[in-house]
């Protein structure tokens, strides 16, 4: 994307946000901005290693937690009872 296209894209996004009235959508945009800002300012501290030896970075871990929290808030989870019912068919 060239410089002019980038500027136009920014203006289009700003215009779209200014005209958006859905609070849920605006909240999702704010969460995305917060995640991006956190990634920019977060240190790349290694907090552990996966079972395959791959480094686990603090920023990745926090991103996964935030994603899980959003899923919980949106009802995207299984109860223990539902999991037990599903496991009966395995």
PDB file of N, CA and C in Angstrom:
ATOM      1  N   UNK A   1       0.854  -1.167   0.000  1.00  0.00           N
ATOM      2  CA  UNK A   1       0.000   0.000   0.000  1.00  0.00           C
ATOM      3  C   UNK A   1       0.904   1.235   0.000  1.00  0.00           C
ATOM      4  N   UNK A   2       0.663   2.110  -0.947  1.00  0.00           N
ATOM      5  CA  UNK A   2       1.496   3.318  -0.996  1.00  0.00           C
ATOM      6  C   UNK A   2       1.020   4.330   0.048  1.00  0.00           C
ATOM      7  N   UNK A   3       1.783   5.409   0.176  1.00  0.00           N
ATOM      8  CA  UNK A   3       1.525   6.400   1.221  1.00  0.00           C
ATOM      9  C   UNK A   3       0.136   7.034   1.098  1.00  0.00           C
ATOM     10  N   UNK A   4      -0.267   7.359  -0.132  1.00  0.00           N
ATOM     11  CA  UNK A   4      -1.582   7.978  -0.339  1.00  0.00           C
ATOM     12  C   UNK A   4      -2.711   7.009   0.003  1.00  0.00           C
ATOM     13  N   UNK A   5      -2.556   5.747  -0.406  1.00  0.00           N
ATOM     14  CA  UNK A   5      -3.573   4.742  -0.094  1.00  0.00           C
ATOM     15  C   UNK A   5      -3.672   4.517   1.411  1.00  0.00           C
ATOM     16  N   UNK A   6      -2.525   4.533   2.082  1.00  0.00           N
ATOM     17  CA  UNK A   6      -2.504   4.365   3.533  1.00  0.00           C
ATOM     18  C   UNK A   6      -3.247   5.508   4.218  1.00  0.00           C
ATOM     19  N   UNK A   7      -2.989   6.732   3.780  1.00  0.00           N
ATOM     20  CA  UNK A   7      -3.679   7.898   4.341  1.00  0.00           C
ATOM     21  C   UNK A   7      -5.183   7.798   4.117  1.00  0.00           C
ATOM     22  N   UNK A   8      -5.584   7.392   2.910  1.00  0.00           N
ATOM     23  CA  UNK A   8      -7.011   7.267   2.606  1.00  0.00           C
ATOM     24  C   UNK A   8      -7.646   6.173   3.461  1.00  0.00           C
ATOM     25  N   UNK A   9      -6.941   5.072   3.647  1.00  0.00           N
ATOM     26  CA  UNK A   9      -7.460   3.991   4.486  1.00  0.00           C
ATOM     27  C   UNK A   9      -7.672   4.474   5.916  1.00  0.00           C
ATOM     28  N   UNK A  10      -6.727   5.248   6.437  1.00  0.00           N
ATOM     29  CA  UNK A  10      -6.863   5.800   7.789  1.00  0.00           C
ATOM     30  C   UNK A  10      -8.091   6.701   7.884  1.00  0.00           C
ATOM     31  N   UNK A  11      -8.260   7.577   6.898  1.00  0.00           N
ATOM     32  CA  UNK A  11      -9.409   8.486   6.896  1.00  0.00           C
ATOM     33  C   UNK A  11     -10.727   7.720   6.799  1.00  0.00           C
ATOM     34  N   UNK A  12     -10.742   6.667   5.977  1.00  0.00           N
ATOM     35  CA  UNK A  12     -11.949   5.849   5.841  1.00  0.00           C
ATOM     36  C   UNK A  12     -12.301   5.175   7.168  1.00  0.00           C
ATOM     37  N   UNK A  13     -11.288   4.664   7.856  1.00  0.00           N
ATOM     38  CA  UNK A  13     -11.515   4.007   9.147  1.00  0.00           C
ATOM     39  C   UNK A  13     -12.029   5.011  10.171  1.00  0.00           C
ATOM     40  N   UNK A  14     -11.403   6.176  10.226  1.00  0.00           N
ATOM     41  CA  UNK A  14     -11.843   7.218  11.161  1.00  0.00           C
ATOM     42  C   UNK A  14     -13.289   7.606  10.874  1.00  0.00           C
ATOM     43  N   UNK A  15     -13.615   7.820   9.611  1.00  0.00           N
ATOM     44  CA  UNK A  15     -14.972   8.197   9.225  1.00  0.00           C
ATOM     45  C   UNK A  15     -15.967   7.112   9.622  1.00  0.00           C
ATOM     46  N   UNK A  16     -15.602   5.868   9.387  1.00  0.00           N
ATOM     47  CA  UNK A  16     -16.486   4.754   9.724  1.00  0.00           C
ATOM     48  C   UNK A  16     -16.742   4.706  11.224  1.00  0.00           C
ATOM     49  N   UNK A  17     -15.681   4.867  12.024  1.00  0.00           N
ATOM     50  CA  UNK A  17     -15.822   4.823  13.482  1.00  0.00           C
ATOM     51  C   UNK A  17     -16.680   5.983  13.977  1.00  0.00           C
ATOM     52  N   UNK A  18     -16.451   7.179  13.434  1.00  0.00           N
ATOM     53  CA  UNK A  18     -17.224   8.356  13.853  1.00  0.00           C
ATOM     54  C   UNK A  18     -18.712   8.142  13.584  1.00  0.00           C
ATOM     55  N   UNK A  19     -19.050   7.471  12.498  1.00  0.00           N
ATOM     56  CA  UNK A  19     -20.451   7.266  12.130  1.00  0.00           C
ATOM     57  C   UNK A  19     -21.069   6.013  12.741  1.00  0.00           C
ATOM     58  N   UNK A  20     -20.277   5.181  13.393  1.00  0.00           N
ATOM     59  CA  UNK A  20     -20.788   3.942  13.999  1.00  0.00           C
ATOM     60  C   UNK A  20     -21.505   4.267  15.305  1.00  0.00           C
ATOM     61  N   UNK A  21     -22.691   3.689  15.502  1.00  0.00           N
ATOM     62  CA  UNK A  21     -23.445   3.961  16.727  1.00  0.00           C
ATOM     63  C   UNK A  21     -23.668   2.708  17.578  1.00  0.00           C
ATOM     64  N   UNK A  22     -23.276   1.556  17.077  1.00  0.00           N
ATOM     65  CA  UNK A  22     -23.459   0.309  17.813  1.00  0.00           C
ATOM     66  C   UNK A  22     -22.389   0.198  18.899  1.00  0.00           C
ATOM     67  N   UNK A  23     -22.831   0.239  20.167  1.00  0.00           N
ATOM     68  CA  UNK A  23     -21.888   0.215  21.283  1.00  0.00           C
ATOM     69  C   UNK A  23     -21.091  -1.082  21.335  1.00  0.00           C
ATOM     70  N   UNK A  24     -21.709  -2.187  20.956  1.00  0.00           N
ATOM     71  CA  UNK A  24     -21.006  -3.467  20.965  1.00  0.00           C
ATOM     72  C   UNK A  24     -19.857  -3.448  19.972  1.00  0.00           C
ATOM     73  N   UNK A  25     -20.117  -2.953  18.786  1.00  0.00           N
ATOM     74  CA  UNK A  25     -19.069  -2.870  17.762  1.00  0.00           C
ATOM     75  C   UNK A  25     -17.947  -1.949  18.226  1.00  0.00           C
ATOM     76  N   UNK A  26     -18.314  -0.807  18.792  1.00  0.00           N
ATOM     77  CA  UNK A  26     -17.298   0.126  19.279  1.00  0.00           C
ATOM     78  C   UNK A  26     -16.488  -0.495  20.414  1.00  0.00           C
ATOM     79  N   UNK A  27     -17.140  -1.270  21.268  1.00  0.00           N
ATOM     80  CA  UNK A  27     -16.425  -1.969  22.337  1.00  0.00           C
ATOM     81  C   UNK A  27     -15.438  -2.980  21.785  1.00  0.00           C
ATOM     82  N   UNK A  28     -15.841  -3.694  20.730  1.00  0.00           N
ATOM     83  CA  UNK A  28     -14.948  -4.665  20.100  1.00  0.00           C
ATOM     84  C   UNK A  28     -13.752  -3.969  19.459  1.00  0.00           C
ATOM     85  N   UNK A  29     -13.999  -2.829  18.843  1.00  0.00           N
ATOM     86  CA  UNK A  29     -12.906  -2.055  18.247  1.00  0.00           C
ATOM     87  C   UNK A  29     -11.946  -1.601  19.340  1.00  0.00           C
ATOM     88  N   UNK A  30     -12.490  -1.145  20.469  1.00  0.00           N
ATOM     89  CA  UNK A  30     -11.639  -0.703  21.577  1.00  0.00           C
ATOM     90  C   UNK A  30     -10.797  -1.857  22.114  1.00  0.00           C
ATOM     91  N   UNK A  31     -11.399  -3.054  22.229  1.00  0.00           N
ATOM     92  CA  UNK A  31     -10.648  -4.223  22.692  1.00  0.00           C
ATOM     93  C   UNK A  31      -9.508  -4.543  21.730  1.00  0.00           C
ATOM     94  N   UNK A  32      -9.787  -4.462  20.437  1.00  0.00           N
ATOM     95  CA  UNK A  32      -8.755  -4.719  19.438  1.00  0.00           C
ATOM     96  C   UNK A  32      -7.625  -3.706  19.551  1.00  0.00           C
ATOM     97  N   UNK A  33      -7.986  -2.439  19.693  1.00  0.00           N
ATOM     98  CA  UNK A  33      -6.971  -1.386  19.848  1.00  0.00           C
ATOM     99  C   UNK A  33      -6.154  -1.634  21.112  1.00  0.00           C
ATOM    100  N   UNK A  34      -6.822  -1.995  22.203  1.00  0.00           N
ATOM    101  CA  UNK A  34      -6.115  -2.283  23.457  1.00  0.00           C
ATOM    102  C   UNK A  34      -5.138  -3.440  23.280  1.00  0.00           C
ATOM    103  N   UNK A  35      -5.592  -4.502  22.587  1.00  0.00           N
ATOM    104  CA  UNK A  35      -4.715  -5.651  22.347  1.00  0.00           C
ATOM    105  C   UNK A  35      -3.495  -5.257  21.523  1.00  0.00           C
ATOM    106  N   UNK A  36      -3.712  -4.475  20.471  1.00  0.00           N
ATOM    107  CA  UNK A  36      -2.605  -4.040  19.614  1.00  0.00           C
ATOM    108  C   UNK A  36      -1.646  -3.164  20.402  1.00  0.00           C
ATOM    109  N   UNK A  37      -2.182  -2.248  21.179  1.00  0.00           N
ATOM    110  CA  UNK A  37      -1.339  -1.352  21.981  1.00  0.00           C
ATOM    111  C   UNK A  37      -0.545  -2.138  23.014  1.00  0.00           C
ATOM    112  N   UNK A  38      -1.183  -3.128  23.619  1.00  0.00           N
ATOM    113  CA  UNK A  38      -0.479  -3.954  24.597  1.00  0.00           C
ATOM    114  C   UNK A  38       0.674  -4.697  23.924  1.00  0.00           C
ATOM    115  N   UNK A  39       0.398  -5.252  22.742  1.00  0.00           N
ATOM    116  CA  UNK A  39       1.445  -5.973  22.011  1.00  0.00           C
ATOM    117  C   UNK A  39       2.625  -5.062  21.701  1.00  0.00           C
ATOM    118  N   UNK A  40       2.343  -3.820  21.359  1.00  0.00           N
ATOM    119  CA  UNK A  40       3.416  -2.874  21.032  1.00  0.00           C
ATOM    120  C   UNK A  40       4.270  -2.542  22.243  1.00  0.00           C
ATOM    121  N   UNK A  41       3.641  -2.442  23.404  1.00  0.00           N
ATOM    122  CA  UNK A  41       4.361  -1.997  24.595  1.00  0.00           C
ATOM    123  C   UNK A  41       4.814  -3.152  25.482  1.00  0.00           C
ATOM    124  N   UNK A  42       4.323  -4.346  25.200  1.00  0.00           N
ATOM    125  CA  UNK A  42       4.659  -5.501  26.037  1.00  0.00           C
ATOM    126  C   UNK A  42       6.085  -5.956  25.771  1.00  0.00           C
ATOM    127  N   UNK A  43       6.719  -6.389  26.839  1.00  0.00           N
ATOM    128  CA  UNK A  43       8.052  -6.948  26.639  1.00  0.00           C
ATOM    129  C   UNK A  43       7.907  -8.365  26.108  1.00  0.00           C
ATOM    130  N   UNK A  44       8.967  -8.879  25.535  1.00  0.00           N
ATOM    131  CA  UNK A  44       8.943 -10.218  24.952  1.00  0.00           C
ATOM    132  C   UNK A  44       9.572 -11.217  25.915  1.00  0.00           C
ATOM    133  N   UNK A  45       9.241 -11.069  27.163  1.00  0.00           N
ATOM    134  CA  UNK A  45       9.779 -11.933  28.211  1.00  0.00           C
ATOM    135  C   UNK A  45       9.272 -13.362  28.020  1.00  0.00           C
ATOM    136  N   UNK A  46      10.186 -14.308  28.080  1.00  0.00           N
ATOM    137  CA  UNK A  46       9.824 -15.719  28.009  1.00  0.00           C
ATOM    138  C   UNK A  46       9.354 -16.131  29.398  1.00  0.00           C
ATOM    139  N   UNK A  47       8.131 -16.667  29.476  1.00  0.00           N
ATOM    140  CA  UNK A  47       7.598 -17.062  30.780  1.00  0.00           C
ATOM    141  C   UNK A  47       7.540 -18.573  30.946  1.00  0.00           C
ATOM    142  N   UNK A  48       7.896 -19.310  29.900  1.00  0.00           N
ATOM    143  CA  UNK A  48       7.886 -20.763  29.994  1.00  0.00           C
ATOM    144  C   UNK A  48       8.148 -21.384  28.641  1.00  0.00           C
ATOM    145  N   UNK A  49       7.991 -22.693  28.612  1.00  0.00           N
ATOM    146  CA  UNK A  49       8.202 -23.445  27.384  1.00  0.00           C
ATOM    147  C   UNK A  49       7.073 -24.448  27.220  1.00  0.00           C
ATOM    148  N   UNK A  50       6.631 -24.622  25.979  1.00  0.00           N
ATOM    149  CA  UNK A  50       5.622 -25.622  25.686  1.00  0.00           C
ATOM    150  C   UNK A  50       6.230 -27.009  25.755  1.00  0.00           C
ATOM    151  N   UNK A  51       5.389 -28.044  25.685  1.00  0.00           N
ATOM    152  CA  UNK A  51       5.902 -29.408  25.793  1.00  0.00           C
ATOM    153  C   UNK A  51       6.821 -29.777  24.633  1.00  0.00           C
ATOM    154  N   UNK A  52       6.716 -29.040  23.539  1.00  0.00           N
ATOM    155  CA  UNK A  52       7.590 -29.281  22.395  1.00  0.00           C
ATOM    156  C   UNK A  52       8.840 -28.405  22.438  1.00  0.00           C
ATOM    157  N   UNK A  53       9.039 -27.671  23.544  1.00  0.00           N
ATOM    158  CA  UNK A  53      10.232 -26.847  23.699  1.00  0.00           C
ATOM    159  C   UNK A  53      10.126 -25.442  23.141  1.00  0.00           C
ATOM    160  N   UNK A  54       8.985 -25.097  22.563  1.00  0.00           N
ATOM    161  CA  UNK A  54       8.799 -23.763  21.993  1.00  0.00           C
ATOM    162  C   UNK A  54       8.612 -22.752  23.124  1.00  0.00           C
ATOM    163  N   UNK A  55       9.256 -21.603  22.995  1.00  0.00           N
ATOM    164  CA  UNK A  55       9.154 -20.559  24.016  1.00  0.00           C
ATOM    165  C   UNK A  55       7.726 -20.020  24.091  1.00  0.00           C
ATOM    166  N   UNK A  56       7.281 -19.740  25.298  1.00  0.00           N
ATOM    167  CA  UNK A  56       5.990 -19.092  25.517  1.00  0.00           C
ATOM    168  C   UNK A  56       6.288 -17.684  26.010  1.00  0.00           C
ATOM    169  N   UNK A  57       5.885 -16.701  25.216  1.00  0.00           N
ATOM    170  CA  UNK A  57       6.137 -15.309  25.556  1.00  0.00           C
ATOM    171  C   UNK A  57       4.974 -14.744  26.367  1.00  0.00           C
ATOM    172  N   UNK A  58       5.287 -13.821  27.246  1.00  0.00           N
ATOM    173  CA  UNK A  58       4.283 -13.181  28.092  1.00  0.00           C
ATOM    174  C   UNK A  58       3.168 -12.579  27.244  1.00  0.00           C
ATOM    175  N   UNK A  59       3.531 -11.892  26.170  1.00  0.00           N
ATOM    176  CA  UNK A  59       2.524 -11.228  25.336  1.00  0.00           C
ATOM    177  C   UNK A  59       1.561 -12.235  24.713  1.00  0.00           C
ATOM    178  N   UNK A  60       2.063 -13.397  24.276  1.00  0.00           N
ATOM    179  CA  UNK A  60       1.198 -14.426  23.702  1.00  0.00           C
ATOM    180  C   UNK A  60       0.261 -14.985  24.762  1.00  0.00           C
ATOM    181  N   UNK A  61       0.813 -15.225  25.940  1.00  0.00           N
ATOM    182  CA  UNK A  61       0.036 -15.779  27.043  1.00  0.00           C
ATOM    183  C   UNK A  61      -1.109 -14.845  27.425  1.00  0.00           C
ATOM    184  N   UNK A  62      -0.808 -13.564  27.569  1.00  0.00           N
ATOM    185  CA  UNK A  62      -1.829 -12.577  27.933  1.00  0.00           C
ATOM    186  C   UNK A  62      -2.876 -12.466  26.827  1.00  0.00           C
ATOM    187  N   UNK A  63      -2.437 -12.518  25.559  1.00  0.00           N
ATOM    188  CA  UNK A  63      -3.380 -12.454  24.438  1.00  0.00           C
ATOM    189  C   UNK A  63      -4.349 -13.634  24.496  1.00  0.00           C
ATOM    190  N   UNK A  64      -3.832 -14.819  24.783  1.00  0.00           N
ATOM    191  CA  UNK A  64      -4.687 -16.008  24.884  1.00  0.00           C
ATOM    192  C   UNK A  64      -5.682 -15.884  26.036  1.00  0.00           C
ATOM    193  N   UNK A  65      -5.215 -15.346  27.154  1.00  0.00           N
ATOM    194  CA  UNK A  65      -6.109 -15.152  28.301  1.00  0.00           C
ATOM    195  C   UNK A  65      -7.224 -14.179  27.940  1.00  0.00           C
ATOM    196  N   UNK A  66      -6.871 -13.069  27.297  1.00  0.00           N
ATOM    197  CA  UNK A  66      -7.894 -12.082  26.904  1.00  0.00           C
ATOM    198  C   UNK A  66      -8.900 -12.693  25.936  1.00  0.00           C
ATOM    199  N   UNK A  67      -8.402 -13.500  25.006  1.00  0.00           N
ATOM    200  CA  UNK A  67      -9.285 -14.149  24.044  1.00  0.00           C
ATOM    201  C   UNK A  67     -10.228 -15.110  24.776  1.00  0.00           C
ATOM    202  N   UNK A  68      -9.706 -15.854  25.736  1.00  0.00           N
ATOM    203  CA  UNK A  68     -10.534 -16.767  26.524  1.00  0.00           C
ATOM    204  C   UNK A  68     -11.573 -16.011  27.335  1.00  0.00           C
ATOM    205  N   UNK A  69     -11.169 -14.891  27.924  1.00  0.00           N
ATOM    206  CA  UNK A  69     -12.113 -14.077  28.692  1.00  0.00           C
ATOM    207  C   UNK A  69     -13.252 -13.576  27.810  1.00  0.00           C
ATOM    208  N   UNK A  70     -12.927 -13.160  26.581  1.00  0.00           N
ATOM    209  CA  UNK A  70     -13.973 -12.706  25.656  1.00  0.00           C
ATOM    210  C   UNK A  70     -14.915 -13.862  25.322  1.00  0.00           C
ATOM    211  N   UNK A  71     -14.339 -15.052  25.129  1.00  0.00           N
ATOM    212  CA  UNK A  71     -15.161 -16.223  24.853  1.00  0.00           C
ATOM    213  C   UNK A  71     -16.109 -16.542  25.998  1.00  0.00           C
ATOM    214  N   UNK A  72     -15.594 -16.467  27.218  1.00  0.00           N
ATOM    215  CA  UNK A  72     -16.446 -16.698  28.388  1.00  0.00           C
ATOM    216  C   UNK A  72     -17.566 -15.676  28.454  1.00  0.00           C
ATOM    217  N   UNK A  73     -17.220 -14.414  28.211  1.00  0.00           N
ATOM    218  CA  UNK A  73     -18.207 -13.335  28.255  1.00  0.00           C
ATOM    219  C   UNK A  73     -19.297 -13.560  27.206  1.00  0.00           C
ATOM    220  N   UNK A  74     -18.922 -14.173  26.069  1.00  0.00           N
ATOM    221  CA  UNK A  74     -19.874 -14.409  24.981  1.00  0.00           C
ATOM    222  C   UNK A  74     -20.544 -15.780  25.073  1.00  0.00           C
ATOM    223  N   UNK A  75     -20.310 -16.492  26.183  1.00  0.00           N
ATOM    224  CA  UNK A  75     -20.945 -17.792  26.372  1.00  0.00           C
ATOM    225  C   UNK A  75     -20.325 -18.913  25.569  1.00  0.00           C
ATOM    226  N   UNK A  76     -19.096 -18.746  25.121  1.00  0.00           N
ATOM    227  CA  UNK A  76     -18.420 -19.758  24.305  1.00  0.00           C
ATOM    228  C   UNK A  76     -17.590 -20.672  25.204  1.00  0.00           C
ATOM    229  N   UNK A  77     -18.281 -21.593  25.892  1.00  0.00           N
ATOM    230  CA  UNK A  77     -17.594 -22.531  26.767  1.00  0.00           C
ATOM    231  C   UNK A  77     -18.468 -23.762  26.953  1.00  0.00           C
ATOM    232  N   UNK A  78     -17.872 -24.825  27.487  1.00  0.00           N
ATOM    233  CA  UNK A  78     -18.606 -26.042  27.806  1.00  0.00           C
ATOM    234  C   UNK A  78     -18.632 -26.214  29.315  1.00  0.00           C
ATOM    235  N   UNK A  79     -19.787 -26.575  29.836  1.00  0.00           N
ATOM    236  CA  UNK A  79     -19.860 -26.897  31.263  1.00  0.00           C
ATOM    237  C   UNK A  79     -19.290 -28.301  31.455  1.00  0.00           C
ATOM    238  N   UNK A  80     -18.971 -28.646  32.681  1.00  0.00           N
ATOM    239  CA  UNK A  80     -18.458 -29.983  32.980  1.00  0.00           C
ATOM    240  C   UNK A  80     -19.490 -31.025  32.575  1.00  0.00           C
ATOM    241  N   UNK A  81     -20.755 -30.741  32.845  1.00  0.00           N
ATOM    242  CA  UNK A  81     -21.823 -31.677  32.499  1.00  0.00           C
ATOM    243  C   UNK A  81     -21.886 -31.906  30.990  1.00  0.00           C
ATOM    244  N   UNK A  82     -21.805 -30.825  30.209  1.00  0.00           N
ATOM    245  CA  UNK A  82     -21.832 -30.955  28.747  1.00  0.00           C
ATOM    246  C   UNK A  82     -20.626 -31.734  28.246  1.00  0.00           C
ATOM    247  N   UNK A  83     -19.474 -31.495  28.836  1.00  0.00           N
ATOM    248  CA  UNK A  83     -18.265 -32.214  28.444  1.00  0.00           C
ATOM    249  C   UNK A  83     -18.401 -33.700  28.752  1.00  0.00           C
ATOM    250  N   UNK A  84     -18.975 -34.025  29.904  1.00  0.00           N
ATOM    251  CA  UNK A  84     -19.183 -35.430  30.262  1.00  0.00           C
ATOM    252  C   UNK A  84     -20.129 -36.107  29.274  1.00  0.00           C
ATOM    253  N   UNK A  85     -21.187 -35.404  28.868  1.00  0.00           N
ATOM    254  CA  UNK A  85     -22.126 -35.960  27.888  1.00  0.00           C
ATOM    255  C   UNK A  85     -21.429 -36.210  26.557  1.00  0.00           C
ATOM    256  N   UNK A  86     -20.608 -35.245  26.128  1.00  0.00           N
ATOM    257  CA  UNK A  86     -19.885 -35.404  24.863  1.00  0.00           C
ATOM    258  C   UNK A  86     -18.907 -36.566  24.938  1.00  0.00           C
ATOM    259  N   UNK A  87     -18.246 -36.707  26.075  1.00  0.00           N
ATOM    260  CA  UNK A  87     -17.214 -37.745  26.195  1.00  0.00           C
ATOM    261  C   UNK A  87     -17.808 -39.147  26.161  1.00  0.00           C
ATOM    262  N   UNK A  88     -19.090 -39.278  26.449  1.00  0.00           N
ATOM    263  CA  UNK A  88     -19.742 -40.586  26.393  1.00  0.00           C
ATOM    264  C   UNK A  88     -19.796 -41.131  24.974  1.00  0.00           C
ATOM    265  N   UNK A  89     -19.699 -40.261  23.973  1.00  0.00           N
ATOM    266  CA  UNK A  89     -19.770 -40.697  22.575  1.00  0.00           C
ATOM    267  C   UNK A  89     -18.394 -40.949  21.965  1.00  0.00           C
ATOM    268  N   UNK A  90     -17.339 -40.773  22.740  1.00  0.00           N
ATOM    269  CA  UNK A  90     -15.987 -40.954  22.198  1.00  0.00           C
ATOM    270  C   UNK A  90     -15.622 -42.399  22.074  1.00  0.00           C
TER     271      UNK A  90
END
